[in-house]
Each structure stands twice: as C-alpha cells, then as structure tokens.
Amino acid sequence: MNAHELRDKTPDQLRDELVGLKKEAFNLRFQQATSQLENTARMRQVRRDVARIKTVLNEKAAAAANAEAN
C-alpha cells in the first residue's frame, strides 16, 4: 500500500484500516514470541503501513483545520 492510495480514502476508512493493522501487528508479535513467525519482513511492512496511515490522517486533519481557519 502506498501513500497515494491512502490519500484517496476517507478518514473513517483509514481508521478502520489502522485498527486492522494494529491487530495484525499484535498477532505478529505474539507469533514471534512463540517462535511461530515465518515471514519476519511482514512486521516491518505492517509497522510502516501504520506510520503511513497515521501520517495521512494527520495531513487530512491539518488540511481540515486550515480550511476552517480561512
């Protein structure tokens, strides 16, 4: 998933996706702790996707605040 795709989504869709990714991150950490994790690169992908979504949400919030101020 890239930032361009995320910017096309609504804030509600982004929040839903964020919740799903956080659940996946929890499950991946649990699998790692029990030595069941096969794809270790997925942890990094999920962590970066979470950061991307948070960044886009903050951009949208700042844009909305800017629009109200003007």
Protein backbone atom coordinates (compact mmCIF):
# COMPACT_ATOMS: atom_id res chain seq x y z
CA MET A 1 0.00 0.00 0.00
CA ASN A 2 1.36 3.41 -0.86
CA ALA A 3 0.54 6.90 0.36
CA HIS A 4 -1.21 7.81 -2.89
CA GLU A 5 -3.78 5.04 -2.37
CA LEU A 6 -4.27 6.13 1.24
CA ARG A 7 -4.91 9.76 0.35
CA ASP A 8 -7.89 8.68 -1.78
CA LYS A 9 -9.60 7.10 1.23
CA THR A 10 -11.81 8.81 3.80
CA PRO A 11 -10.61 9.29 7.38
CA ASP A 12 -13.09 6.64 8.57
CA GLN A 13 -11.71 4.09 6.11
CA LEU A 14 -8.18 4.96 7.23
CA ARG A 15 -9.08 4.49 10.89
CA ASP A 16 -10.64 1.09 10.13
CA GLU A 17 -7.53 0.03 8.26
CA LEU A 18 -5.36 1.30 11.13
CA VAL A 19 -7.26 -0.84 13.62
CA GLY A 20 -6.81 -3.89 11.40
CA LEU A 21 -3.10 -3.29 11.02
CA LYS A 22 -2.64 -2.84 14.75
CA LYS A 23 -4.38 -6.16 15.36
CA GLU A 24 -2.13 -7.78 12.77
CA ALA A 25 0.95 -6.26 14.43
CA PHE A 26 -0.16 -7.68 17.78
CA ASN A 27 -0.62 -11.13 16.26
CA LEU A 28 2.78 -10.94 14.57
CA ARG A 29 4.47 -10.00 17.84
CA PHE A 30 2.71 -12.90 19.53
CA GLN A 31 3.86 -15.30 16.80
CA GLN A 32 7.42 -14.02 17.12
CA ALA A 33 7.39 -14.57 20.87
CA THR A 34 6.26 -18.15 20.42
CA SER A 35 8.73 -18.78 17.56
CA GLN A 36 5.93 -19.38 15.04
CA LEU A 37 6.59 -16.33 12.84
CA GLU A 38 7.59 -17.37 9.33
CA ASN A 39 7.64 -14.05 7.44
CA THR A 40 9.66 -11.68 9.61
CA ALA A 41 9.59 -8.97 6.94
CA ARG A 42 5.83 -8.63 7.43
CA MET A 43 6.41 -7.00 10.82
CA ARG A 44 8.34 -4.19 9.16
CA GLN A 45 5.71 -3.77 6.43
CA VAL A 46 2.90 -3.52 8.96
CA ARG A 47 4.80 -1.05 11.12
CA ARG A 48 5.49 1.17 8.11
CA ASP A 49 1.91 0.93 6.88
CA VAL A 50 0.70 2.06 10.30
CA ALA A 51 3.06 5.04 10.11
CA ARG A 52 1.84 5.87 6.59
CA ILE A 53 -1.80 5.82 7.67
CA LYS A 54 -1.09 7.99 10.71
CA THR A 55 0.78 10.47 8.52
CA VAL A 56 -2.07 10.71 6.02
CA LEU A 57 -4.61 11.11 8.84
CA ASN A 58 -2.55 13.95 10.30
CA GLU A 59 -2.29 15.58 6.87
CA LYS A 60 -6.06 15.41 6.44
CA ALA A 61 -6.64 16.82 9.93
CA ALA A 62 -4.24 19.69 9.29
CA ALA A 63 -5.90 20.43 5.95
CA ALA A 64 -9.32 20.49 7.59
CA ALA A 65 -8.09 22.78 10.35
CA ASN A 66 -6.52 25.04 7.74
CA ALA A 67 -9.75 25.17 5.77
CA GLU A 68 -11.72 26.18 8.88
CA ALA A 69 -9.23 28.91 9.74
CA ASN A 70 -9.63 30.54 6.34
